[in-house]
Amino acid sequence: MGRNKRNRLHIRWGGILKKGLMKQITIFLFAIFFIGFSCNTNNSSDNSNKSQIDSIVKNPRIYPPDTVVLNFLIWYRDNFEKMHPFYTISDKNDSSMISGKWGDSTTYFSVNFKGTEKFLKFLSSSNCLSKKYLDNKRKYIKERAIELLKYKQWDGPPIGFSAEEIFYMNDIEDYFRLIQKAKIIDLVIKGNTATCKVDFFERKLFRLSTYNNRWLIDDIEFFDYEQ
């Protein structure tokens, strides 16, 4: 009887220990699963955040109008030196917007439309200007080209082309340092259009519209302090 009782106790304790071990293993496996799930969730969240950040950096469509304006100002400052060939007067440089020879009375200054198209293409690379802006710029250059031919000019700054083509300022490079301090004075968004007033070396009004869900600049004009 004593031996049978010990055997029954051994079997009972063995069952209890076996159940306890299984319970511990279950808890352990559950803990591993939970930790793994949490890590995957965190990694997924990190990847999602990284994708959003990459999207903000690479996708200009999500930029608001005021950011597009400031981006263009910085782009213009950083790329202005590359535009010098467009502003030179030459009868040999295809990139020059003005064809002619300084001081040569046998030739007159005229607009080189091939160089004009290269200039407009370069402006388009900013990804901040709309087709409407570029078309209006092309039209305005053609109007001034007609005026330039009337004067039969062969010396001095070409009439209508004596300043840079964006803000129509002389010595604009002297003011580029102020672009970092440019301030948005006013921003009004109405549906698919927006106006943005900026104050840096002088006050400018930018008009923008959305094209394929992207804000682009349609026009840039001066405004006084009372507007």
Protein backbone atom coordinates (compact mmCIF):
# COMPACT_ATOMS: atom_id res chain seq x y z
CA MET A 1 0.00 0.00 0.00
CA GLY A 2 2.80 2.40 0.85
CA ARG A 3 4.48 1.79 -2.46
CA ASN A 4 1.25 2.29 -4.45
CA LYS A 5 0.58 5.51 -2.60
CA ARG A 6 4.05 6.81 -3.42
CA ASN A 7 3.48 5.93 -7.08
CA ARG A 8 0.18 7.81 -7.12
CA LEU A 9 1.81 10.84 -5.51
CA HIS A 10 4.64 10.68 -8.05
CA ILE A 11 2.16 10.56 -10.93
CA ARG A 12 0.11 13.44 -9.45
CA TRP A 13 3.14 15.68 -8.88
CA GLY A 14 4.46 14.75 -12.29
CA GLY A 15 1.17 15.91 -13.83
CA ILE A 16 1.22 19.13 -11.87
CA LEU A 17 4.81 19.86 -12.85
CA LYS A 18 4.02 19.05 -16.46
CA LYS A 19 1.01 21.42 -16.46
CA GLY A 20 3.10 24.17 -14.78
CA LEU A 21 5.86 23.75 -17.35
CA MET A 22 3.39 23.95 -20.23
CA LYS A 23 1.88 27.09 -18.71
CA GLN A 24 5.33 28.72 -18.45
CA ILE A 25 6.15 27.76 -22.04
CA THR A 26 2.83 29.24 -23.21
CA ILE A 27 3.49 32.50 -21.34
CA PHE A 28 7.02 32.63 -22.74
CA LEU A 29 5.86 32.10 -26.33
CA PHE A 30 3.12 34.71 -25.92
CA ALA A 31 5.68 37.22 -24.61
CA ILE A 32 7.94 36.59 -27.63
CA PHE A 33 5.00 37.01 -29.99
CA PHE A 34 3.92 40.26 -28.29
CA ILE A 35 7.44 41.73 -28.39
CA GLY A 36 7.84 40.73 -32.02
CA PHE A 37 4.48 42.25 -32.90
CA SER A 38 5.37 45.48 -31.10
CA CYS A 39 8.71 45.71 -32.88
CA ASN A 40 7.09 45.13 -36.25
CA THR A 41 4.49 47.78 -35.46
CA ASN A 42 7.18 50.27 -34.44
CA ASN A 43 9.24 49.47 -37.52
CA SER A 44 6.16 49.89 -39.66
CA SER A 45 5.47 53.22 -38.00
CA ASP A 46 9.09 54.31 -38.51
CA ASN A 47 8.97 53.28 -42.15
CA SER A 48 5.70 55.16 -42.57
CA ASN A 49 7.19 58.30 -41.04
CA LYS A 50 10.29 57.96 -43.20
CA SER A 51 8.13 57.60 -46.30
CA GLN A 52 6.20 60.73 -45.37
CA ILE A 53 9.42 62.68 -44.85
CA ASP A 54 10.83 61.44 -48.15
CA SER A 55 7.57 62.41 -49.82
CA ILE A 56 7.76 65.93 -48.41
CA VAL A 57 11.34 66.31 -49.64
CA LYS A 58 10.83 64.80 -53.10
CA ASN A 59 7.25 65.68 -53.95
CA PRO A 60 6.65 69.40 -54.55
CA ARG A 61 2.91 68.86 -54.93
CA ILE A 62 2.39 69.03 -51.19
CA TYR A 63 4.17 72.37 -50.79
CA PRO A 64 1.82 75.25 -49.81
CA PRO A 65 1.92 78.45 -51.90
CA ASP A 66 4.16 80.43 -49.53
CA THR A 67 6.72 77.61 -49.49
CA VAL A 68 6.74 77.52 -53.30
CA VAL A 69 7.44 81.26 -53.35
CA LEU A 70 10.32 81.03 -50.87
CA ASN A 71 11.72 77.98 -52.69
CA PHE A 72 11.73 79.94 -55.93
CA LEU A 73 13.53 82.90 -54.37
CA ILE A 74 16.24 80.61 -53.05
CA TRP A 75 16.47 78.75 -56.38
CA TYR A 76 16.83 82.06 -58.25
CA ARG A 77 19.59 83.24 -55.96
CA ASP A 78 21.48 79.94 -56.17
CA ASN A 79 21.21 79.70 -59.97
CA PHE A 80 21.58 83.31 -61.02
CA GLU A 81 25.22 82.96 -62.07
CA LYS A 82 24.20 80.20 -64.48
CA MET A 83 21.96 82.74 -66.23
CA HIS A 84 24.78 85.10 -67.19
CA PRO A 85 25.11 83.62 -70.72
CA PHE A 86 21.47 84.50 -71.35
CA TYR A 87 22.06 88.14 -70.44
CA THR A 88 25.16 88.68 -72.56
CA ILE A 89 25.04 90.41 -75.95
CA SER A 90 26.58 88.25 -78.64
CA ASP A 91 26.15 87.26 -82.26
CA LYS A 92 27.94 83.96 -81.64
CA ASN A 93 26.43 82.68 -78.40
CA ASP A 94 23.22 80.73 -79.07
CA SER A 95 22.22 81.09 -75.42
CA SER A 96 22.29 84.88 -75.47
CA MET A 97 18.85 86.49 -75.57
CA ILE A 98 20.26 89.58 -77.32
CA SER A 99 22.13 89.22 -80.58
CA GLY A 100 24.54 91.90 -81.79
CA LYS A 101 28.01 93.43 -81.42
CA TRP A 102 28.90 96.17 -78.99
CA GLY A 103 29.89 99.35 -80.82
CA ASP A 104 29.35 97.91 -84.31
CA SER A 105 27.10 100.33 -86.19
CA THR A 106 26.69 97.90 -89.07
CA THR A 107 24.55 95.61 -86.91
CA TYR A 108 21.72 96.34 -84.53
CA PHE A 109 20.68 94.65 -81.33
CA SER A 110 17.88 92.14 -81.75
CA VAL A 111 16.27 89.40 -79.72
CA ASN A 112 17.66 85.93 -80.25
CA PHE A 113 14.58 83.74 -79.84
CA LYS A 114 16.62 80.56 -79.72
CA GLY A 115 18.43 81.92 -76.68
CA THR A 116 15.08 83.09 -75.28
CA GLU A 117 13.70 79.56 -75.40
CA LYS A 118 16.77 78.22 -73.62
CA PHE A 119 16.29 80.87 -70.95
CA LEU A 120 12.62 79.93 -70.47
CA LYS A 121 13.53 76.26 -70.29
CA PHE A 122 16.07 77.02 -67.58
CA LEU A 123 13.46 78.96 -65.60
CA SER A 124 11.09 76.01 -65.95
CA SER A 125 13.67 73.76 -64.26
CA SER A 126 12.92 75.57 -60.98
CA ASN A 127 9.65 73.58 -60.84
CA CYS A 128 8.03 76.65 -59.31
CA LEU A 129 6.74 78.48 -62.40
CA SER A 130 3.60 77.64 -64.35
CA LYS A 131 3.24 77.38 -68.11
CA LYS A 132 1.11 80.51 -67.89
CA TYR A 133 4.01 82.44 -66.37
CA LEU A 134 6.45 81.19 -69.02
CA ASP A 135 4.02 81.91 -71.88
CA ASN A 136 3.46 85.46 -70.60
CA LYS A 137 7.22 85.95 -70.26
CA ARG A 138 7.71 84.78 -73.86
CA LYS A 139 4.97 87.13 -75.07
CA TYR A 140 6.47 90.10 -73.19
CA ILE A 141 9.92 89.43 -74.65
CA LYS A 142 8.44 89.36 -78.16
CA GLU A 143 6.74 92.71 -77.54
CA ARG A 144 10.01 94.25 -76.40
CA ALA A 145 11.80 92.69 -79.36
CA ILE A 146 9.61 94.74 -81.69
CA GLU A 147 10.38 97.90 -79.75
CA LEU A 148 14.11 97.18 -79.76
CA LEU A 149 14.18 96.93 -83.57
CA LYS A 150 12.57 100.37 -83.86
CA TYR A 151 15.51 102.05 -82.14
CA LYS A 152 18.19 100.38 -84.31
CA GLN A 153 20.49 100.30 -81.31
CA TRP A 154 24.11 99.14 -81.48
CA ASP A 155 25.54 100.60 -78.27
CA GLY A 156 24.55 100.96 -74.62
CA PRO A 157 22.19 98.72 -72.63
CA PRO A 158 19.55 97.24 -74.97
CA ILE A 159 16.30 99.14 -74.52
CA GLY A 160 13.85 96.98 -72.61
CA PHE A 161 16.56 94.47 -71.64
CA SER A 162 18.80 96.40 -69.28
CA ALA A 163 17.84 94.44 -66.14
CA GLU A 164 17.31 90.84 -65.12
CA GLU A 165 14.05 89.25 -66.24
CA ILE A 166 12.34 88.19 -63.01
CA PHE A 167 12.19 91.31 -60.84
CA TYR A 168 13.54 93.76 -63.48
CA MET A 169 16.24 95.02 -61.13
CA ASN A 170 19.78 96.17 -61.80
CA ASP A 171 22.49 94.79 -59.52
CA ILE A 172 20.10 92.25 -58.05
CA GLU A 173 23.01 90.15 -56.81
CA ASP A 174 23.62 92.81 -54.16
CA TYR A 175 20.24 91.99 -52.66
CA PHE A 176 20.40 88.19 -52.71
CA ARG A 177 21.74 88.12 -49.15
CA LEU A 178 18.37 89.50 -48.04
CA ILE A 179 16.42 86.56 -49.45
CA GLN A 180 17.17 84.53 -46.32
CA LYS A 181 15.32 87.23 -44.37
CA ALA A 182 12.32 87.31 -46.72
CA LYS A 183 9.03 87.53 -44.83
CA ILE A 184 5.57 86.44 -45.86
CA ILE A 185 3.38 89.48 -45.19
CA ASP A 186 0.10 88.03 -46.35
CA LEU A 187 -1.19 84.78 -47.82
CA VAL A 188 -4.71 84.40 -49.22
CA ILE A 189 -5.92 81.10 -50.65
CA LYS A 190 -9.21 80.94 -52.55
CA GLY A 191 -9.92 77.55 -54.02
CA ASN A 192 -7.29 76.83 -56.66
CA THR A 193 -5.72 80.29 -56.59
CA ALA A 194 -3.58 82.14 -54.06
CA THR A 195 -1.83 85.46 -53.57
CA CYS A 196 1.31 85.74 -51.49
CA LYS A 197 2.89 89.05 -50.47
CA VAL A 198 6.59 88.91 -49.66
CA ASP A 199 8.91 91.54 -48.23
CA PHE A 200 12.65 91.26 -48.85
CA PHE A 201 14.62 93.92 -50.80
CA GLU A 202 11.28 95.24 -52.03
CA ARG A 203 7.69 94.09 -51.76
CA LYS A 204 6.45 91.58 -54.31
CA LEU A 205 3.07 90.03 -54.94
CA PHE A 206 3.08 86.44 -56.19
CA ARG A 207 -0.02 84.98 -57.82
CA LEU A 208 -0.29 81.21 -57.83
CA SER A 209 -2.64 78.51 -59.07
CA THR A 210 -2.82 74.75 -58.69
CA TYR A 211 -1.90 72.53 -61.63
CA ASN A 212 -2.28 68.78 -61.13
CA ASN A 213 -2.45 69.41 -57.37
CA ARG A 214 0.75 71.50 -57.43
CA TRP A 215 0.99 75.18 -56.53
CA LEU A 216 2.89 77.10 -59.22
CA ILE A 217 3.64 80.80 -59.73
CA ASP A 218 1.59 82.51 -62.46
CA ASP A 219 2.76 86.09 -62.00
CA ILE A 220 5.15 88.27 -60.00
CA GLU A 221 4.48 91.98 -59.58
CA PHE A 222 5.44 94.88 -57.36
CA PHE A 223 2.99 96.26 -54.82
CA ASP A 224 3.25 99.35 -52.67
CA TYR A 225 2.68 99.58 -48.93
CA GLU A 226 -0.93 100.69 -49.29
CA GLN A 227 -2.07 97.63 -51.24
